[in-house]
N, C-alpha and C. Protein backbone atom coordinates (compact mmCIF):
# COMPACT_ATOMS: atom_id res chain seq x y z
N UNK A 1 1.17 -0.99 0.18
CA UNK A 1 -0.06 -0.28 0.14
C UNK A 1 1.02 1.13 0.28
N UNK A 2 0.94 2.01 -0.69
CA UNK A 2 1.00 3.45 -0.55
C UNK A 2 1.32 4.28 0.63
N UNK A 3 2.28 5.08 0.58
CA UNK A 3 2.24 6.30 2.09
C UNK A 3 2.53 7.41 1.89
N UNK A 4 1.47 7.72 2.58
CA UNK A 4 1.63 9.51 2.45
C UNK A 4 2.59 10.08 3.68
N UNK A 5 3.48 11.11 3.15
CA UNK A 5 4.24 11.43 3.86
C UNK A 5 4.68 13.57 3.42
N UNK A 6 4.73 14.29 4.34
CA UNK A 6 4.59 15.18 4.24
C UNK A 6 6.07 15.85 4.33
N UNK A 7 6.28 16.92 3.49
CA UNK A 7 7.74 17.31 3.31
C UNK A 7 7.56 18.90 4.42
N UNK A 8 8.30 19.43 5.31
CA UNK A 8 8.47 20.76 5.18
C UNK A 8 9.17 21.37 3.92
N UNK A 9 8.80 22.88 3.25
CA UNK A 9 9.06 23.49 2.09
C UNK A 9 10.12 23.97 2.28
N UNK A 10 11.06 24.08 1.78
CA UNK A 10 12.48 24.30 2.35
C UNK A 10 13.13 24.92 0.66
N UNK A 11 12.77 24.90 -0.31
CA UNK A 11 13.33 25.12 -1.20
C UNK A 11 12.60 25.98 -2.22
N UNK A 12 12.97 26.47 -3.41
CA UNK A 12 12.08 26.86 -3.98
C UNK A 12 11.49 25.75 -5.13
N UNK A 13 12.51 24.51 -5.64
CA UNK A 13 11.69 23.75 -6.11
C UNK A 13 10.36 23.09 -5.23
N UNK A 14 10.81 22.53 -3.61
CA UNK A 14 9.51 22.62 -3.33
C UNK A 14 8.31 23.10 -3.16
N UNK A 15 8.43 25.04 -3.41
CA UNK A 15 7.71 25.60 -3.50
C UNK A 15 7.10 25.38 -4.72
N UNK A 16 7.96 25.23 -5.74
CA UNK A 16 6.78 25.24 -7.30
C UNK A 16 5.72 24.43 -7.26
N UNK A 17 6.77 22.92 -6.10
CA UNK A 17 5.37 21.52 -6.40
C UNK A 17 3.89 22.10 -5.64
N UNK A 18 4.28 22.71 -4.75
CA UNK A 18 3.27 22.85 -3.79
C UNK A 18 2.14 23.50 -4.89
N UNK A 19 2.98 24.87 -5.69
CA UNK A 19 1.90 26.13 -6.49
C UNK A 19 1.57 24.95 -7.44
N UNK A 20 2.06 23.89 -7.64
CA UNK A 20 1.54 23.18 -8.65
C UNK A 20 0.28 22.31 -8.51
N UNK A 21 0.25 21.95 -7.54
CA UNK A 21 -0.59 21.45 -6.47
C UNK A 21 -2.25 22.24 -6.64
N UNK A 22 -1.33 23.94 -5.57
CA UNK A 22 -2.56 24.83 -5.41
C UNK A 22 -3.14 25.41 -7.10
N UNK A 23 -2.88 25.25 -8.10
CA UNK A 23 -3.18 25.69 -9.67
C UNK A 23 -3.61 24.77 -9.96
N UNK A 24 -3.27 23.48 -9.93
CA UNK A 24 -4.57 22.80 -10.29
C UNK A 24 -6.41 22.28 -9.35
N UNK A 25 -5.88 22.93 -8.24
CA UNK A 25 -6.94 22.77 -7.55
C UNK A 25 -7.65 24.17 -7.41
N UNK A 26 -6.87 24.67 -7.87
CA UNK A 26 -7.90 26.53 -7.15
C UNK A 26 -7.83 27.31 -8.50
N UNK A 27 -7.29 27.35 -9.23
CA UNK A 27 -7.00 28.23 -10.33
C UNK A 27 -7.60 26.88 -11.91
N UNK A 28 -7.29 25.97 -12.05
CA UNK A 28 -7.91 25.16 -12.73
C UNK A 28 -9.00 24.91 -12.44
N UNK A 29 -9.17 23.81 -11.23
CA UNK A 29 -10.62 23.50 -10.96
C UNK A 29 -11.49 24.19 -10.37
N UNK A 30 -11.30 25.51 -9.83
CA UNK A 30 -12.40 25.90 -9.15
C UNK A 30 -12.66 27.64 -9.42
N UNK A 31 -11.09 28.24 -10.76
CA UNK A 31 -11.56 29.54 -11.07
C UNK A 31 -11.22 30.20 -10.40
N UNK A 32 -10.56 30.35 -9.52
CA UNK A 32 -10.16 31.19 -8.86
C UNK A 32 -8.39 32.17 -9.88
N UNK A 33 -8.92 33.34 -9.95
CA UNK A 33 -8.09 34.03 -10.08
C UNK A 33 -6.16 33.87 -10.08
N UNK A 34 -5.66 34.00 -11.02
CA UNK A 34 -4.53 33.59 -9.86
C UNK A 34 -3.72 34.74 -9.24
N UNK A 35 -3.67 36.03 -9.81
CA UNK A 35 -3.57 37.16 -8.63
C UNK A 35 -4.56 36.55 -7.28
N UNK A 36 -5.34 35.89 -7.34
CA UNK A 36 -5.75 35.81 -6.17
C UNK A 36 -5.14 34.43 -5.12
N UNK A 37 -5.09 33.66 -6.18
CA UNK A 37 -4.21 32.48 -5.33
C UNK A 37 -2.57 32.55 -5.41
N UNK A 38 -1.76 33.03 -5.49
CA UNK A 38 -0.98 33.33 -5.04
C UNK A 38 -0.42 34.51 -4.77
N UNK A 39 0.61 34.80 -3.35
CA UNK A 39 0.46 35.88 -3.10
C UNK A 39 1.91 36.42 -2.21
N UNK A 40 2.10 36.95 -1.53
CA UNK A 40 3.40 37.18 -0.90
C UNK A 40 4.69 35.86 -0.14
N UNK A 41 3.02 35.53 0.37
CA UNK A 41 3.36 34.35 0.58
C UNK A 41 4.18 32.82 0.49
N UNK A 42 4.39 33.12 -0.74
CA UNK A 42 4.37 32.02 -1.70
C UNK A 42 5.89 32.51 -1.52
N UNK A 43 6.92 32.62 -1.48
CA UNK A 43 8.19 32.49 -1.23
C UNK A 43 9.37 32.47 -0.33
N UNK A 44 9.68 31.35 -0.64
CA UNK A 44 11.18 30.85 0.76
C UNK A 44 11.76 32.08 1.35
N UNK A 45 10.96 32.10 2.82
CA UNK A 45 11.83 33.11 3.16
C UNK A 45 10.58 34.25 3.86
N UNK A 46 9.44 33.84 3.49
CA UNK A 46 8.17 34.69 3.66
C UNK A 46 7.83 34.09 5.70
N UNK A 47 6.77 34.15 6.21
CA UNK A 47 6.37 34.22 7.37
C UNK A 47 5.62 33.20 7.13
N UNK A 48 5.29 33.06 5.76
CA UNK A 48 4.51 31.25 5.62
C UNK A 48 5.35 29.88 6.44
N UNK A 49 4.27 28.76 6.31
CA UNK A 49 4.94 27.46 7.00
C UNK A 49 3.95 26.36 5.61
N UNK A 50 4.80 26.20 4.97
CA UNK A 50 4.28 25.55 3.72
C UNK A 50 4.51 24.14 3.75
N UNK A 51 4.25 23.08 3.75
CA UNK A 51 4.10 21.42 3.74
C UNK A 51 3.63 20.79 2.18
N UNK A 52 4.31 19.90 1.59
CA UNK A 52 3.69 19.22 0.63
C UNK A 52 3.76 17.82 0.90
N UNK A 53 2.13 17.50 0.76
CA UNK A 53 1.99 15.95 1.10
C UNK A 53 2.53 14.95 -0.40
N UNK A 54 3.18 13.78 0.02
CA UNK A 54 3.49 13.04 -1.01
C UNK A 54 2.87 11.81 -0.72
N UNK A 55 1.53 10.96 -1.74
CA UNK A 55 0.93 9.52 -1.35
C UNK A 55 2.28 8.79 -2.69
N UNK A 56 2.37 7.93 -2.28
CA UNK A 56 3.17 7.32 -3.25
C UNK A 56 4.56 8.56 -4.23
N UNK A 57 5.23 8.31 -5.04
CA UNK A 57 6.18 9.46 -5.52
C UNK A 57 4.94 10.64 -5.61
N UNK A 58 3.81 10.82 -5.87
CA UNK A 58 3.19 11.79 -6.70
C UNK A 58 2.79 12.97 -5.27
N UNK A 59 3.09 14.06 -5.78
CA UNK A 59 2.37 15.05 -5.18
C UNK A 59 0.90 15.59 -4.63
N UNK A 60 0.75 14.65 -3.67
CA UNK A 60 -0.59 14.59 -3.57
C UNK A 60 -1.44 16.00 -2.88
N UNK A 61 -0.90 16.76 -2.07
CA UNK A 61 -1.36 17.82 -1.83
C UNK A 61 -0.82 18.64 -0.40
N UNK A 62 -1.44 19.97 -0.23
CA UNK A 62 -0.59 21.28 -0.38
C UNK A 62 -0.68 22.21 0.60
N UNK A 63 -0.39 22.60 1.65
CA UNK A 63 -1.44 23.88 2.81
C UNK A 63 -0.17 24.37 2.96
N UNK A 64 -0.37 25.51 4.01
CA UNK A 64 -0.12 26.12 4.31
C UNK A 64 0.10 27.06 5.54
N UNK A 65 0.38 27.81 6.64
CA UNK A 65 -0.28 28.32 7.85
C UNK A 65 0.98 30.11 8.32
N UNK A 66 -0.31 30.93 8.08
CA UNK A 66 0.59 32.31 8.31
C UNK A 66 0.31 32.29 10.03
N UNK A 67 1.50 33.65 10.74
CA UNK A 67 1.10 33.86 11.58
C UNK A 67 -0.69 35.09 11.64
N UNK A 68 -1.22 34.85 12.39
CA UNK A 68 -2.04 35.80 12.08
C UNK A 68 -2.51 36.77 13.98
N UNK A 69 -3.09 36.92 14.65
CA UNK A 69 -3.45 37.29 15.81
C UNK A 69 -3.30 36.87 17.04
N UNK A 70 -3.28 36.99 18.23
CA UNK A 70 -3.55 36.89 19.18
C UNK A 70 -2.78 35.11 19.59
N UNK A 71 -1.70 35.11 19.42
CA UNK A 71 -1.43 33.27 19.42
C UNK A 71 -1.58 32.50 18.46
N UNK A 72 -2.24 33.03 17.42
CA UNK A 72 -3.06 32.45 16.39
C UNK A 72 -2.35 31.79 14.83
N UNK A 73 -2.68 30.75 14.23
CA UNK A 73 -2.31 30.95 12.71
C UNK A 73 -3.66 30.54 12.31
N UNK A 74 -3.63 31.06 11.04
CA UNK A 74 -4.02 30.89 10.07
C UNK A 74 -3.86 29.81 9.02
N UNK A 75 -4.31 29.40 8.84
CA UNK A 75 -4.65 28.25 8.06
C UNK A 75 -5.42 27.96 6.34
N UNK A 76 -4.14 28.35 5.26
CA UNK A 76 -4.54 28.32 4.18
C UNK A 76 -4.39 27.40 3.02
N UNK A 77 -4.49 27.91 2.10
CA UNK A 77 -4.68 27.04 1.04
C UNK A 77 -4.31 25.67 0.48
N UNK A 78 -5.33 24.93 1.81
CA UNK A 78 -5.43 23.35 1.79
C UNK A 78 -5.74 23.07 0.47
N UNK A 79 -4.70 21.77 -0.26
CA UNK A 79 -5.38 21.54 -1.91
C UNK A 79 -5.23 20.41 -1.27
N UNK A 80 -5.82 19.46 -2.40
CA UNK A 80 -5.98 17.93 -2.80
C UNK A 80 -6.39 17.40 -3.85
N UNK A 81 -5.52 17.09 -4.57
CA UNK A 81 -5.26 17.10 -5.80
C UNK A 81 -6.84 16.01 -6.26
N UNK A 82 -7.65 16.05 -6.96
CA UNK A 82 -9.07 15.15 -6.95
C UNK A 82 -8.80 13.44 -7.07
N UNK A 83 -7.66 13.57 -7.78
CA UNK A 83 -7.29 12.00 -7.67
C UNK A 83 -7.05 11.56 -6.39
N UNK A 84 -6.88 11.93 -5.65
CA UNK A 84 -6.44 11.32 -4.45
C UNK A 84 -6.98 12.22 -3.58
N UNK A 85 -8.34 12.66 -3.23
CA UNK A 85 -9.61 12.49 -2.65
C UNK A 85 -10.48 11.37 -2.17
N UNK A 86 -10.95 11.09 -0.93
CA UNK A 86 -11.14 9.90 -0.17
C UNK A 86 -9.90 9.50 0.67
N UNK A 87 -9.03 9.47 0.36
CA UNK A 87 -7.79 8.59 0.95
C UNK A 87 -7.38 8.77 2.39
N UNK A 88 -8.09 9.94 2.97
CA UNK A 88 -7.67 10.54 4.58
C UNK A 88 -5.75 11.92 4.50
N UNK A 89 -6.12 12.16 2.67
CA UNK A 89 -5.31 13.13 2.59
C UNK A 89 -5.09 14.47 3.15
N UNK A 90 -6.24 14.25 2.97
CA UNK A 90 -6.51 16.26 3.43
C UNK A 90 -6.09 16.01 5.50
N UNK A 91 -6.71 15.11 6.02
CA UNK A 91 -6.87 15.26 7.26
C UNK A 91 -5.23 14.91 7.90
N UNK A 92 -4.41 14.02 7.13
CA UNK A 92 -3.62 13.70 7.00
C UNK A 92 -1.76 15.31 7.35
N UNK A 93 -2.71 15.97 5.85
CA UNK A 93 -1.83 17.06 5.78
C UNK A 93 -2.43 18.61 7.05
N UNK A 94 -4.20 18.58 7.56
CA UNK A 94 -4.37 19.50 8.42
C UNK A 94 -3.39 18.92 10.07
N UNK A 95 -3.48 17.79 10.22
CA UNK A 95 -2.64 17.29 11.43
C UNK A 95 -1.01 17.41 11.41
N UNK A 96 -0.37 17.45 9.99
CA UNK A 96 0.55 18.01 10.56
C UNK A 96 1.30 19.34 10.14
N UNK A 97 0.20 20.46 9.81
CA UNK A 97 0.40 21.85 9.98
C UNK A 97 -0.25 22.05 11.23
N UNK A 98 -1.21 21.66 12.07
CA UNK A 98 -1.58 21.92 13.07
C UNK A 98 -0.29 21.22 13.93
N UNK A 99 0.71 20.42 13.82
CA UNK A 99 1.32 19.81 14.54
C UNK A 99 2.60 20.96 14.77
N UNK A 100 2.95 21.14 13.48
CA UNK A 100 4.36 21.93 13.29
C UNK A 100 3.35 23.66 14.15
N UNK A 101 2.48 23.87 13.73
CA UNK A 101 2.06 25.15 14.11
C UNK A 101 2.33 25.19 15.55
N UNK A 102 2.04 23.84 16.22
CA UNK A 102 1.92 24.03 17.93
C UNK A 102 3.55 23.96 18.45
N UNK A 103 4.48 23.11 17.76
CA UNK A 103 5.58 23.29 17.87
C UNK A 103 5.95 24.82 17.59
N UNK A 104 5.77 25.67 17.09
CA UNK A 104 5.97 26.86 16.58
C UNK A 104 5.45 28.02 17.77
N UNK A 105 4.56 27.31 18.88
CA UNK A 105 4.50 28.09 19.76
C UNK A 105 2.38 28.85 20.31
N UNK A 106 2.55 28.58 19.10
CA UNK A 106 0.93 28.92 18.68
C UNK A 106 -0.23 28.37 19.56
N UNK A 107 -1.45 28.59 19.87
CA UNK A 107 -2.34 28.41 20.23
C UNK A 107 -3.66 27.94 19.49
N UNK A 108 -3.49 29.14 18.84
CA UNK A 108 -5.00 28.48 17.59
C UNK A 108 -4.93 28.53 16.03
N UNK A 109 -6.05 27.71 15.96
CA UNK A 109 -6.18 27.95 14.64
C UNK A 109 -7.13 28.49 13.96
N UNK A 110 -7.46 29.13 13.13
CA UNK A 110 -8.33 30.14 12.33
C UNK A 110 -8.16 29.63 10.81
N UNK A 111 -9.12 29.28 9.67
CA UNK A 111 -9.43 28.98 8.47
C UNK A 111 -10.39 29.72 7.97
N UNK A 112 -10.88 29.97 6.59
CA UNK A 112 -11.90 30.49 5.89
C UNK A 112 -12.12 29.11 5.10
N UNK A 113 -12.95 28.33 5.61
CA UNK A 113 -13.23 27.30 4.32
C UNK A 113 -14.59 27.59 3.88
N UNK A 114 -13.80 26.79 2.63
CA UNK A 114 -15.03 26.68 1.76
C UNK A 114 -16.42 26.16 2.16
N UNK A 115 -17.68 26.56 1.53
CA UNK A 115 -18.84 26.06 2.71
C UNK A 115 -18.98 24.91 2.31
N UNK A 116 -18.45 24.30 1.66
CA UNK A 116 -18.30 22.62 1.02
C UNK A 116 -17.72 21.15 1.81
N UNK A 117 -16.76 21.81 2.32
CA UNK A 117 -15.59 21.40 3.10
C UNK A 117 -15.95 21.88 4.48
N UNK A 118 -16.61 22.23 4.87
CA UNK A 118 -16.88 23.06 6.95
C UNK A 118 -17.37 21.68 7.02
N UNK A 119 -17.88 20.78 6.92
CA UNK A 119 -18.28 19.26 7.87
C UNK A 119 -17.09 18.90 7.84
N UNK A 120 -15.87 18.91 7.03
CA UNK A 120 -14.14 18.15 7.25
C UNK A 120 -13.56 18.50 8.12
N UNK A 121 -13.23 20.24 8.58
CA UNK A 121 -12.77 20.70 9.44
C UNK A 121 -14.25 20.79 11.08
N UNK A 122 -14.98 20.09 10.86
CA UNK A 122 -15.82 20.37 11.92
C UNK A 122 -14.98 18.81 12.30
N UNK A 123 -15.00 17.98 11.55
CA UNK A 123 -14.13 16.31 12.12
C UNK A 123 -12.73 16.48 12.95
N UNK A 124 -12.01 17.39 12.45
CA UNK A 124 -10.92 17.66 12.69
C UNK A 124 -10.82 18.60 13.98
N UNK A 125 -12.12 18.84 14.61
CA UNK A 125 -12.38 19.89 15.91
C UNK A 125 -11.96 21.01 15.39
N UNK A 126 -12.57 21.71 14.76
CA UNK A 126 -13.29 23.09 14.10
C UNK A 126 -14.29 23.63 14.16
N UNK A 127 -14.72 24.89 14.95
CA UNK A 127 -15.96 25.31 15.43
C UNK A 127 -16.11 26.09 14.42
N UNK A 128 -17.49 26.47 14.31
CA UNK A 128 -18.18 27.72 12.50
C UNK A 128 -17.83 28.82 14.05
N UNK A 129 -17.24 30.25 13.75
CA UNK A 129 -17.69 31.15 14.08
C UNK A 129 -18.85 31.58 13.53
N UNK A 130 -19.86 32.13 14.38
CA UNK A 130 -21.02 32.73 14.14
C UNK A 130 -20.65 33.94 13.19
N UNK A 131 -21.82 33.51 11.84
CA UNK A 131 -21.53 35.20 11.15
C UNK A 131 -22.03 34.44 10.16
N UNK A 132 -22.69 35.44 8.88
CA UNK A 132 -23.41 34.99 7.68
C UNK A 132 -21.39 34.28 7.02
N UNK A 133 -22.00 33.58 6.12
CA UNK A 133 -21.09 33.11 4.46
C UNK A 133 -20.86 34.13 4.24
N UNK A 134 -19.37 34.19 3.85
CA UNK A 134 -19.12 35.13 2.68
C UNK A 134 -18.37 35.19 1.50
N UNK A 135 -18.11 35.56 0.69
CA UNK A 135 -17.44 35.67 -0.85
C UNK A 135 -15.75 35.55 -0.41
N UNK A 136 -15.32 34.83 -1.03
CA UNK A 136 -13.59 35.51 -1.34
C UNK A 136 -13.18 34.47 -2.76
N UNK A 137 -12.72 34.76 -3.48
CA UNK A 137 -13.13 34.50 -4.42
C UNK A 137 -14.05 34.16 -5.66
N UNK A 138 -15.11 34.31 -5.27
CA UNK A 138 -16.54 34.18 -5.91
C UNK A 138 -16.73 32.87 -5.16
N UNK A 139 -16.27 32.22 -4.08
CA UNK A 139 -16.72 31.25 -3.63
C UNK A 139 -17.23 31.24 -2.27
N UNK A 140 -18.25 30.99 -1.74
CA UNK A 140 -18.46 31.22 0.03
C UNK A 140 -18.00 30.26 0.90
N UNK A 141 -17.48 31.22 1.89
CA UNK A 141 -16.96 30.38 2.97
C UNK A 141 -17.48 30.84 4.26
N UNK A 142 -16.79 30.51 4.71
CA UNK A 142 -16.92 30.59 6.39
C UNK A 142 -15.61 30.44 7.55
N UNK A 143 -16.00 30.90 8.39
CA UNK A 143 -14.39 31.40 9.23
C UNK A 143 -14.80 30.24 10.64
N UNK A 144 -13.42 29.66 10.74
CA UNK A 144 -13.71 28.48 11.34
C UNK A 144 -12.51 28.89 12.43
N UNK A 145 -12.54 27.78 13.93
CA UNK A 145 -11.29 28.12 14.15
C UNK A 145 -11.57 27.11 15.52
N UNK A 146 -10.14 26.88 15.99
CA UNK A 146 -10.01 25.27 17.22
C UNK A 146 -8.39 25.55 17.47
N UNK A 147 -8.67 25.39 18.91
CA UNK A 147 -7.95 25.83 19.71
C UNK A 147 -6.75 24.10 19.91
N UNK A 148 -5.56 24.99 19.92
CA UNK A 148 -4.12 23.92 19.67
C UNK A 148 -3.66 23.39 20.85
N UNK A 149 -3.68 24.12 21.91
CA UNK A 149 -3.24 23.49 23.20
C UNK A 149 -3.70 22.07 23.64
């Protein structure tokens, strides 16, 4: 059976691989404009911590977190290629990101979930913050949070 493995992104080559996963999921798959998808955190040396998830030899998923406020991080750009969905890889990626954030001293995680993914994040222990869904890049989202302590 193929194994999932996450790697901490530490060079431009690894970062380009993350961006390729995100391009497939968000830009090509969900029509998110590239200028909305790629930002200043998408460079080595930024405040973002990126992870790439491999399944066998394939780049299957990617995600990042950035410092947010009050001891929190914001999980962002959580992407699993369609061919690898339903294998628990999103959960592995999120657990890896959360553990890294804990080790970095963060106490809380915040994220903006696409509404269709809200139940997935709830299954990981996230709570929806009360309020109306909001649009980001033409897609409805809700704000969610989780205590990392």
